[in-house]
Protein backbone atom coordinates (compact mmCIF):
# COMPACT_ATOMS: atom_id res chain seq x y z
CA UNK A 1 0.00 0.00 0.00
CA UNK A 2 2.94 2.34 0.62
CA UNK A 3 4.63 3.62 -2.50
CA UNK A 4 6.29 6.64 -4.01
CA UNK A 5 4.61 9.95 -4.67
CA UNK A 6 1.51 9.36 -6.75
CA UNK A 7 0.54 11.36 -9.78
CA UNK A 8 -2.64 13.39 -9.56
CA UNK A 9 -5.70 11.18 -9.76
CA UNK A 10 -9.24 12.32 -10.28
CA UNK A 11 -11.94 11.29 -7.84
CA UNK A 12 -14.92 9.57 -9.40
CA UNK A 13 -17.93 11.24 -7.79
CA UNK A 14 -20.25 8.37 -8.57
CA UNK A 15 -23.81 8.07 -7.34
CA UNK A 16 -26.93 5.98 -7.94
CA UNK A 17 -29.79 4.35 -6.12
CA UNK A 18 -33.34 3.11 -6.60
CA UNK A 19 -36.91 4.28 -6.15
CA UNK A 20 -40.06 2.16 -6.10
CA UNK A 21 -43.55 3.63 -6.21
CA UNK A 22 -46.55 1.29 -5.88
CA UNK A 23 -50.32 1.59 -5.66
CA UNK A 24 -52.06 -1.49 -4.31
CA UNK A 25 -55.42 -2.67 -3.02
CA UNK A 26 -55.36 -4.76 0.15
CA UNK A 27 -58.01 -6.97 1.75
CA UNK A 28 -57.29 -8.27 5.25
CA UNK A 29 -59.22 -10.51 7.62
CA UNK A 30 -58.61 -12.49 10.80
CA UNK A 31 -59.13 -12.55 14.55
CA UNK A 32 -56.03 -10.49 15.27
CA UNK A 33 -57.48 -7.35 13.69
CA UNK A 34 -59.18 -5.13 16.29
CA UNK A 35 -62.87 -4.48 15.65
CA UNK A 36 -62.23 -0.74 15.24
CA UNK A 37 -59.51 -1.28 12.59
CA UNK A 38 -60.22 -1.40 8.83
CA UNK A 39 -57.24 -2.45 6.69
CA UNK A 40 -59.13 -2.89 3.41
CA UNK A 41 -58.64 -0.41 0.60
CA UNK A 42 -56.10 1.36 -1.56
CA UNK A 43 -52.58 2.07 -0.29
CA UNK A 44 -49.68 4.05 -1.74
CA UNK A 45 -46.24 2.72 -0.92
CA UNK A 46 -42.89 4.27 -1.77
CA UNK A 47 -39.38 3.14 -1.01
CA UNK A 48 -36.09 4.52 -2.25
CA UNK A 49 -32.48 5.33 -1.49
CA UNK A 50 -29.84 7.66 -2.95
CA UNK A 51 -26.35 6.13 -2.94
CA UNK A 52 -23.27 8.36 -2.91
CA UNK A 53 -20.17 6.39 -3.97
CA UNK A 54 -17.09 8.61 -4.44
CA UNK A 55 -13.88 6.67 -5.14
CA UNK A 56 -10.37 7.11 -6.46
CA UNK A 57 -7.92 4.60 -7.98
CA UNK A 58 -4.25 5.21 -7.21
CA UNK A 59 -1.26 4.50 -9.44
CA UNK A 60 -0.62 1.25 -7.57
CA UNK A 61 -4.04 -0.06 -8.69
CA UNK A 62 -5.74 0.23 -5.32
CA UNK A 63 -9.16 1.86 -5.11
CA UNK A 64 -10.29 3.78 -2.02
CA UNK A 65 -13.94 4.69 -1.75
CA UNK A 66 -16.92 5.51 0.43
CA UNK A 67 -20.53 4.37 0.21
CA UNK A 68 -23.25 6.45 1.90
CA UNK A 69 -26.86 5.37 1.41
CA UNK A 70 -29.50 7.97 2.20
CA UNK A 71 -33.16 7.08 2.65
CA UNK A 72 -35.26 8.85 0.03
CA UNK A 73 -38.75 8.30 1.44
CA UNK A 74 -40.28 10.51 4.11
CA UNK A 75 -41.19 9.30 7.60
CA UNK A 76 -43.23 11.48 9.90
CA UNK A 77 -42.64 14.50 7.69
CA UNK A 78 -38.86 14.20 7.71
CA UNK A 79 -36.16 12.19 6.01
CA UNK A 80 -35.30 8.79 7.45
CA UNK A 81 -31.63 9.74 7.34
CA UNK A 82 -28.56 7.68 6.51
CA UNK A 83 -28.91 3.92 6.11
CA UNK A 84 -25.57 2.25 5.38
CA UNK A 85 -22.28 4.14 5.55
CA UNK A 86 -18.82 2.60 5.14
CA UNK A 87 -15.37 2.92 3.56
CA UNK A 88 -13.74 0.30 1.34
CA UNK A 89 -10.33 -0.54 -0.12
CA UNK A 90 -10.01 -2.96 -3.03
CA UNK A 91 -7.81 -4.20 -5.84
CA UNK A 92 -7.87 -7.09 -8.30
CA UNK A 93 -5.21 -9.00 -6.39
CA UNK A 94 -6.01 -8.06 -2.77
CA UNK A 95 -9.79 -8.35 -2.82
CA UNK A 96 -11.99 -5.93 -0.90
CA UNK A 97 -12.03 -4.63 2.67
CA UNK A 98 -15.08 -2.79 4.06
CA UNK A 99 -15.18 -0.95 7.41
CA UNK A 100 -18.30 0.77 8.72
CA UNK A 101 -22.06 0.31 9.05
CA UNK A 102 -22.94 -2.43 6.60
CA UNK A 103 -24.39 -5.93 6.47
CA UNK A 104 -22.12 -8.93 6.96
CA UNK A 105 -20.24 -10.84 4.29
CA UNK A 106 -22.48 -13.86 4.88
CA UNK A 107 -25.57 -11.75 4.20
CA UNK A 108 -24.17 -10.05 1.10
CA UNK A 109 -22.96 -13.30 -0.49
CA UNK A 110 -26.32 -15.08 -0.07
CA UNK A 111 -28.78 -15.84 -2.86
CA UNK A 112 -32.38 -17.06 -2.94
CA UNK A 113 -35.44 -17.54 -5.12
CA UNK A 114 -35.92 -15.17 -8.07
CA UNK A 115 -38.92 -12.86 -7.80
CA UNK A 116 -41.07 -10.54 -9.88
CA UNK A 117 -43.07 -7.96 -7.93
CA UNK A 118 -42.76 -7.19 -4.23
CA UNK A 119 -40.07 -8.75 -2.05
CA UNK A 120 -41.87 -11.45 -0.07
CA UNK A 121 -38.44 -12.92 0.80
CA UNK A 122 -37.29 -9.56 2.09
CA UNK A 123 -35.04 -8.87 5.08
CA UNK A 124 -36.73 -5.46 5.32
CA UNK A 125 -40.35 -6.51 5.21
CA UNK A 126 -41.74 -3.11 6.14
CA UNK A 127 -39.89 -1.58 3.18
CA UNK A 128 -40.65 -4.17 0.52
CA UNK A 129 -43.73 -6.04 1.76
CA UNK A 130 -45.47 -3.95 4.44
CA UNK A 131 -48.70 -5.97 4.45
CA UNK A 132 -46.97 -9.21 5.41
CA UNK A 133 -46.67 -8.70 9.16
CA UNK A 134 -49.41 -6.17 9.82
CA UNK A 135 -51.06 -6.09 12.25
CA UNK A 136 -49.79 -9.29 13.91
CA UNK A 137 -46.51 -7.56 14.74
CA UNK A 138 -44.32 -10.66 14.54
CA UNK A 139 -42.07 -9.40 11.78
CA UNK A 140 -38.46 -10.24 12.55
CA UNK A 141 -36.17 -8.44 10.14
CA UNK A 142 -33.10 -10.31 8.94
CA UNK A 143 -34.09 -13.57 10.62
CA UNK A 144 -35.29 -16.75 8.94
CA UNK A 145 -38.88 -16.15 10.03
CA UNK A 146 -39.34 -13.50 7.36
CA UNK A 147 -36.38 -13.96 5.01
CA UNK A 148 -33.54 -16.33 4.18
CA UNK A 149 -31.22 -13.30 4.08
CA UNK A 150 -30.34 -13.56 7.77
CA UNK A 151 -28.03 -11.95 10.31
CA UNK A 152 -26.92 -13.14 13.76
CA UNK A 153 -29.74 -12.27 16.21
CA UNK A 154 -31.25 -10.13 13.46
CA UNK A 155 -28.63 -7.35 13.67
CA UNK A 156 -28.63 -4.81 10.86
CA UNK A 157 -25.99 -2.45 9.49
CA UNK A 158 -23.94 -2.45 12.68
CA UNK A 159 -20.34 -1.21 12.48
CA UNK A 160 -18.17 -4.09 11.29
CA UNK A 161 -15.04 -5.11 9.37
CA UNK A 162 -15.46 -7.35 6.31
CA UNK A 163 -13.02 -8.91 3.86
CA UNK A 164 -13.88 -10.45 0.46
CA UNK A 165 -11.43 -12.50 -1.58
CA UNK A 166 -10.92 -11.87 -5.28
CA UNK A 167 -13.04 -14.10 -7.49
CA UNK A 168 -11.31 -17.39 -8.31
CA UNK A 169 -13.10 -18.88 -11.31
CA UNK A 170 -16.39 -17.62 -9.92
CA UNK A 171 -15.71 -18.50 -6.27
CA UNK A 172 -15.73 -15.70 -3.68
CA UNK A 173 -15.43 -15.98 0.11
CA UNK A 174 -15.98 -13.37 2.79
CA UNK A 175 -15.59 -12.95 6.54
CA UNK A 176 -16.92 -10.26 8.91
CA UNK A 177 -16.47 -9.18 12.52
CA UNK A 178 -18.71 -6.78 14.48
CA UNK A 179 -17.99 -5.73 18.10
CA UNK A 180 -21.71 -5.33 18.86
CA UNK A 181 -25.04 -6.38 17.42
CA UNK A 182 -26.77 -3.09 18.12
CA UNK A 183 -28.13 -1.70 14.86
CA UNK A 184 -26.40 1.26 13.20
CA UNK A 185 -23.95 1.78 16.07
CA UNK A 186 -21.18 4.14 14.97
CA UNK A 187 -18.65 5.94 17.16
CA UNK A 188 -20.43 4.69 20.28
CA UNK A 189 -17.29 4.50 22.39
CA UNK A 190 -16.24 1.33 24.16
CA UNK A 191 -18.51 -1.71 23.78
CA UNK A 192 -19.94 -3.27 26.95
CA UNK A 193 -19.74 -7.00 26.21
CA UNK A 194 -22.08 -7.78 29.12
CA UNK A 195 -25.02 -6.16 27.36
CA UNK A 196 -26.70 -7.58 24.25
CA UNK A 197 -25.07 -9.57 21.44
CA UNK A 198 -21.39 -8.89 20.83
CA UNK A 199 -18.26 -10.22 19.09
CA UNK A 200 -20.18 -11.35 16.00
CA UNK A 201 -18.39 -13.42 13.34
CA UNK A 202 -19.81 -14.24 9.92
CA UNK A 203 -18.46 -16.18 6.97
CA UNK A 204 -19.98 -16.71 3.53
CA UNK A 205 -19.14 -18.24 0.17
CA UNK A 206 -20.62 -17.66 -3.26
CA UNK A 207 -20.00 -19.53 -6.51
CA UNK A 208 -21.23 -18.09 -9.80
CA UNK A 209 -20.32 -19.72 -13.10
CA UNK A 210 -21.62 -20.32 -16.61
CA UNK A 211 -21.65 -23.80 -18.13
CA UNK A 212 -22.60 -23.57 -21.78
CA UNK A 213 -26.02 -21.89 -21.79
CA UNK A 214 -26.62 -22.51 -18.07
CA UNK A 215 -25.88 -19.84 -15.45
CA UNK A 216 -25.54 -21.13 -11.90
CA UNK A 217 -25.13 -19.40 -8.51
CA UNK A 218 -24.68 -21.21 -5.18
CA UNK A 219 -24.20 -19.70 -1.72
CA UNK A 220 -23.74 -20.69 1.92
CA UNK A 221 -23.28 -18.66 5.10
CA UNK A 222 -22.78 -19.16 8.85
CA UNK A 223 -22.50 -16.71 11.72
CA UNK A 224 -22.39 -16.61 15.50
CA UNK A 225 -21.88 -14.19 18.38
CA UNK A 226 -21.63 -13.92 22.15
CA UNK A 227 -25.11 -13.59 23.68
CA UNK A 228 -23.99 -11.39 26.58
CA UNK A 229 -26.65 -10.69 29.20
CA UNK A 230 -29.94 -8.86 29.22
CA UNK A 231 -29.71 -6.17 31.88
CA UNK A 232 -32.52 -4.10 33.36
CA UNK A 233 -32.24 -0.67 34.96
CA UNK A 234 -33.14 -0.81 38.67
CA UNK A 235 -32.74 2.71 40.05
CA UNK A 236 -30.67 5.84 40.00
CA UNK A 237 -27.43 6.01 41.90
CA UNK A 238 -26.72 8.20 44.93
CA UNK A 239 -26.87 11.37 42.88
CA UNK A 240 -30.47 10.65 41.88
CA UNK A 241 -29.73 11.29 38.21
CA UNK A 242 -30.43 8.71 35.52
CA UNK A 243 -27.04 8.36 33.87
CA UNK A 244 -24.35 5.74 33.38
CA UNK A 245 -21.93 7.01 36.04
CA UNK A 246 -23.53 5.43 39.12
CA UNK A 247 -26.86 3.90 38.07
CA UNK A 248 -27.64 0.40 39.29
CA UNK A 249 -28.46 -2.38 36.83
CA UNK A 250 -29.28 -6.03 37.40
CA UNK A 251 -29.14 -9.08 35.15
CA UNK A 252 -32.64 -9.70 33.88
CA UNK A 253 -32.03 -13.03 32.19
CA UNK A 254 -29.23 -15.40 31.32
CA UNK A 255 -29.30 -16.26 27.65
CA UNK A 256 -29.78 -19.97 26.88
CA UNK A 257 -26.94 -19.99 24.37
CA UNK A 258 -25.02 -17.97 21.83
CA UNK A 259 -27.03 -16.95 18.75
CA UNK A 260 -26.22 -18.54 15.42
CA UNK A 261 -27.49 -18.38 11.87
CA UNK A 262 -26.85 -20.38 8.74
CA UNK A 263 -28.30 -20.44 5.24
CA UNK A 264 -27.87 -22.04 1.83
CA UNK A 265 -29.25 -20.93 -1.52
CA UNK A 266 -29.02 -21.49 -5.24
CA UNK A 267 -30.19 -20.26 -8.63
CA UNK A 268 -30.04 -21.71 -12.13
CA UNK A 269 -30.91 -19.89 -15.37
CA UNK A 270 -31.41 -21.71 -18.67
CA UNK A 271 -33.44 -21.06 -21.84
CA UNK A 272 -35.18 -18.02 -20.38
CA UNK A 273 -36.15 -19.77 -17.13
CA UNK A 274 -34.61 -18.97 -13.75
CA UNK A 275 -35.20 -21.36 -10.85
CA UNK A 276 -34.04 -20.85 -7.28
CA UNK A 277 -34.56 -21.38 -3.60
CA UNK A 278 -33.00 -21.03 -0.17
CA UNK A 279 -33.20 -22.32 3.40
CA UNK A 280 -32.12 -20.54 6.58
CA UNK A 281 -32.17 -20.87 10.37
CA UNK A 282 -31.60 -18.61 13.38
CA UNK A 283 -30.94 -20.42 16.65
CA UNK A 284 -30.75 -19.64 20.38
CA UNK A 285 -31.35 -15.96 19.83
CA UNK A 286 -33.78 -15.67 22.73
CA UNK A 287 -32.90 -12.08 23.52
CA UNK A 288 -35.01 -9.37 21.92
CA UNK A 289 -37.74 -12.01 21.40
CA UNK A 290 -36.04 -13.45 18.32
CA UNK A 291 -36.14 -17.09 19.45
CA UNK A 292 -35.40 -20.03 17.16
CA UNK A 293 -36.75 -19.80 13.64
CA UNK A 294 -36.43 -21.25 10.17
CA UNK A 295 -37.67 -20.45 6.70
CA UNK A 296 -37.35 -21.26 3.01
CA UNK A 297 -37.96 -19.64 -0.36
CA UNK A 298 -38.78 -21.18 -3.73
CA UNK A 299 -39.51 -19.51 -7.03
CA UNK A 300 -39.20 -19.38 -10.81
CA UNK A 301 -39.29 -16.67 -13.46
CA UNK A 302 -39.47 -16.74 -17.26
CA UNK A 303 -38.29 -14.11 -19.74
CA UNK A 304 -40.90 -13.93 -22.48
CA UNK A 305 -39.99 -12.89 -25.98
CA UNK A 306 -39.75 -9.12 -25.73
CA UNK A 307 -39.59 -6.98 -22.60
CA UNK A 308 -41.85 -9.05 -20.27
CA UNK A 309 -40.78 -11.29 -17.37
CA UNK A 310 -43.29 -13.37 -15.37
CA UNK A 311 -42.76 -15.27 -12.16
CA UNK A 312 -44.07 -17.06 -9.09
CA UNK A 313 -42.43 -17.34 -5.68
CA UNK A 314 -43.23 -18.24 -2.09
CA UNK A 315 -41.70 -17.83 1.36
CA UNK A 316 -42.53 -19.97 4.41
CA UNK A 317 -41.29 -19.04 7.89
CA UNK A 318 -41.73 -20.34 11.42
CA UNK A 319 -40.54 -18.99 14.78
CA UNK A 320 -40.74 -20.07 18.44
CA UNK A 321 -40.16 -17.46 21.15
CA UNK A 322 -40.75 -17.31 24.89
CA UNK A 323 -44.03 -15.72 25.91
CA UNK A 324 -42.69 -13.50 28.70
CA UNK A 325 -46.15 -12.36 29.74
CA UNK A 326 -47.37 -15.92 30.28
CA UNK A 327 -44.22 -17.46 31.73
CA UNK A 328 -41.26 -19.20 30.16
CA UNK A 329 -43.18 -22.46 29.82
CA UNK A 330 -45.79 -20.91 27.54
CA UNK A 331 -44.00 -20.46 24.24
CA UNK A 332 -45.39 -18.56 21.28
CA UNK A 333 -45.24 -20.09 17.81
CA UNK A 334 -45.41 -17.72 14.84
CA UNK A 335 -45.95 -18.78 11.24
CA UNK A 336 -45.66 -16.75 8.04
CA UNK A 337 -46.44 -17.84 4.52
CA UNK A 338 -46.69 -15.75 1.37
CA UNK A 339 -47.34 -16.53 -2.29
CA UNK A 340 -46.83 -14.13 -5.17
CA UNK A 341 -47.47 -14.13 -8.90
CA UNK A 342 -46.22 -11.18 -10.91
CA UNK A 343 -45.13 -9.75 -14.23
CA UNK A 344 -42.66 -7.00 -15.08
CA UNK A 345 -42.09 -5.06 -18.30
CA UNK A 346 -38.82 -3.25 -19.02
CA UNK A 347 -39.64 0.22 -20.34
CA UNK A 348 -36.07 1.43 -20.74
CA UNK A 349 -32.71 1.64 -19.01
CA UNK A 350 -33.42 1.08 -15.31
CA UNK A 351 -37.17 1.65 -15.71
CA UNK A 352 -39.70 -1.16 -15.25
CA UNK A 353 -43.47 -1.44 -14.74
CA UNK A 354 -44.66 -4.27 -12.51
CA UNK A 355 -48.00 -5.86 -11.60
CA UNK A 356 -48.49 -8.52 -8.94
CA UNK A 357 -50.86 -10.34 -6.60
CA UNK A 358 -49.83 -11.54 -3.12
CA UNK A 359 -51.60 -13.86 -0.70
CA UNK A 360 -50.07 -13.99 2.79
CA UNK A 361 -50.96 -15.27 6.24
CA UNK A 362 -49.34 -14.54 9.59
CA UNK A 363 -50.42 -16.41 12.70
CA UNK A 364 -49.43 -16.62 16.37
CA UNK A 365 -50.19 -19.69 18.44
CA UNK A 366 -49.62 -19.47 22.20
CA UNK A 367 -49.25 -22.35 24.64
CA UNK A 368 -50.85 -20.18 27.32
CA UNK A 369 -54.49 -20.58 28.33
CA UNK A 370 -56.93 -18.31 26.60
CA UNK A 371 -59.19 -15.76 28.29
CA UNK A 372 -61.57 -18.55 29.35
CA UNK A 373 -58.80 -20.55 31.02
CA UNK A 374 -58.91 -23.41 28.54
CA UNK A 375 -57.44 -24.44 25.22
CA UNK A 376 -54.74 -22.87 23.11
CA UNK A 377 -55.16 -19.39 21.67
CA UNK A 378 -54.33 -18.66 18.01
CA UNK A 379 -54.30 -15.26 16.38
CA UNK A 380 -54.31 -15.00 12.60
CA UNK A 381 -54.36 -12.41 9.83
CA UNK A 382 -54.87 -13.20 6.15
CA UNK A 383 -54.02 -10.58 3.57
CA UNK A 384 -54.59 -10.36 -0.18
CA UNK A 385 -52.99 -7.56 -2.17
CA UNK A 386 -53.13 -6.66 -5.85
CA UNK A 387 -50.85 -3.89 -7.00
CA UNK A 388 -48.91 -2.14 -9.71
CA UNK A 389 -45.88 0.10 -9.63
CA UNK A 390 -42.84 1.61 -11.27
CA UNK A 391 -39.34 0.44 -10.33
CA UNK A 392 -36.40 2.77 -11.02
CA UNK A 393 -32.72 1.81 -10.74
CA UNK A 394 -30.15 4.48 -11.54
């Protein structure tokens, strides 16, 4: 990395992003919808990000760059703010190093079922499939319950270090380390390893190759972390002020084990058809109500003659978490299933029109007694959505 004086290089002030705008009609029913709530009707949903990606390549062939992703949609009348933000260093022979708030190497190297329409196998369900978990409230982002694109204990964009090897005949491997699992933690000072998930390691591999007229992609990932402890604030210290200098905390629960996640996936494209699927698990992530869960995706798309692509895909998830309100012995079992059929027409460079129909069901089954003191209670919401939208990638 250290060399002689470099000649003047020009920074590439690159930028890009995406923006999705959809109008859809939703019909929802089930015993977990309050009587004073009406979820049927037309909805407008928008989701987008602006990506700033300045970079410079030095005389020695090494590229230094920054990626800053800014949310483009409004929330509560104001911008959501910055999503991912990290620096990277890469070269053809060294590979790529990323440092900052970003998903893990295992997450980024994963693949799953192809899809046309909304993202029913989405790690950010509220952004890409908001009807899926509403109003049951069991959505667990970046865990196998809602998506095969998983993270350890469902962490997201926490500050981490990742390394990716150069591609060797289509094979790429990556490894990541994050001091803490708290989401979007940057410049937070020293990490208290006794609180929440910490020391998170992830590894992932991806193989993409073409054999004649067949394109194939395979992936696998595994990750784990230290569960730490779940601590609860008890009272203020002698000064009577709620701060970290002398406040008293106590251990609320000892975690049953360190959280882990693993996933496998694959895609194959031939003669206009693309087939794919994935399977994932999150285990012993009891803290934050994540529990043990698993899920799988399966789907296929077909490129018609001309600009149209049609497809069908499904995602099936299941989770078991402790029902704190009813005691540790009364576990809650959540189930999520979604089916989608869609079509997409390319209108031009980075512009596509899509239409789709989604049928989804989210249910919660508790081992606790119901209000009458007998039986097992089950809450369920079924949702049908038909929509259309414009997808922009730039």
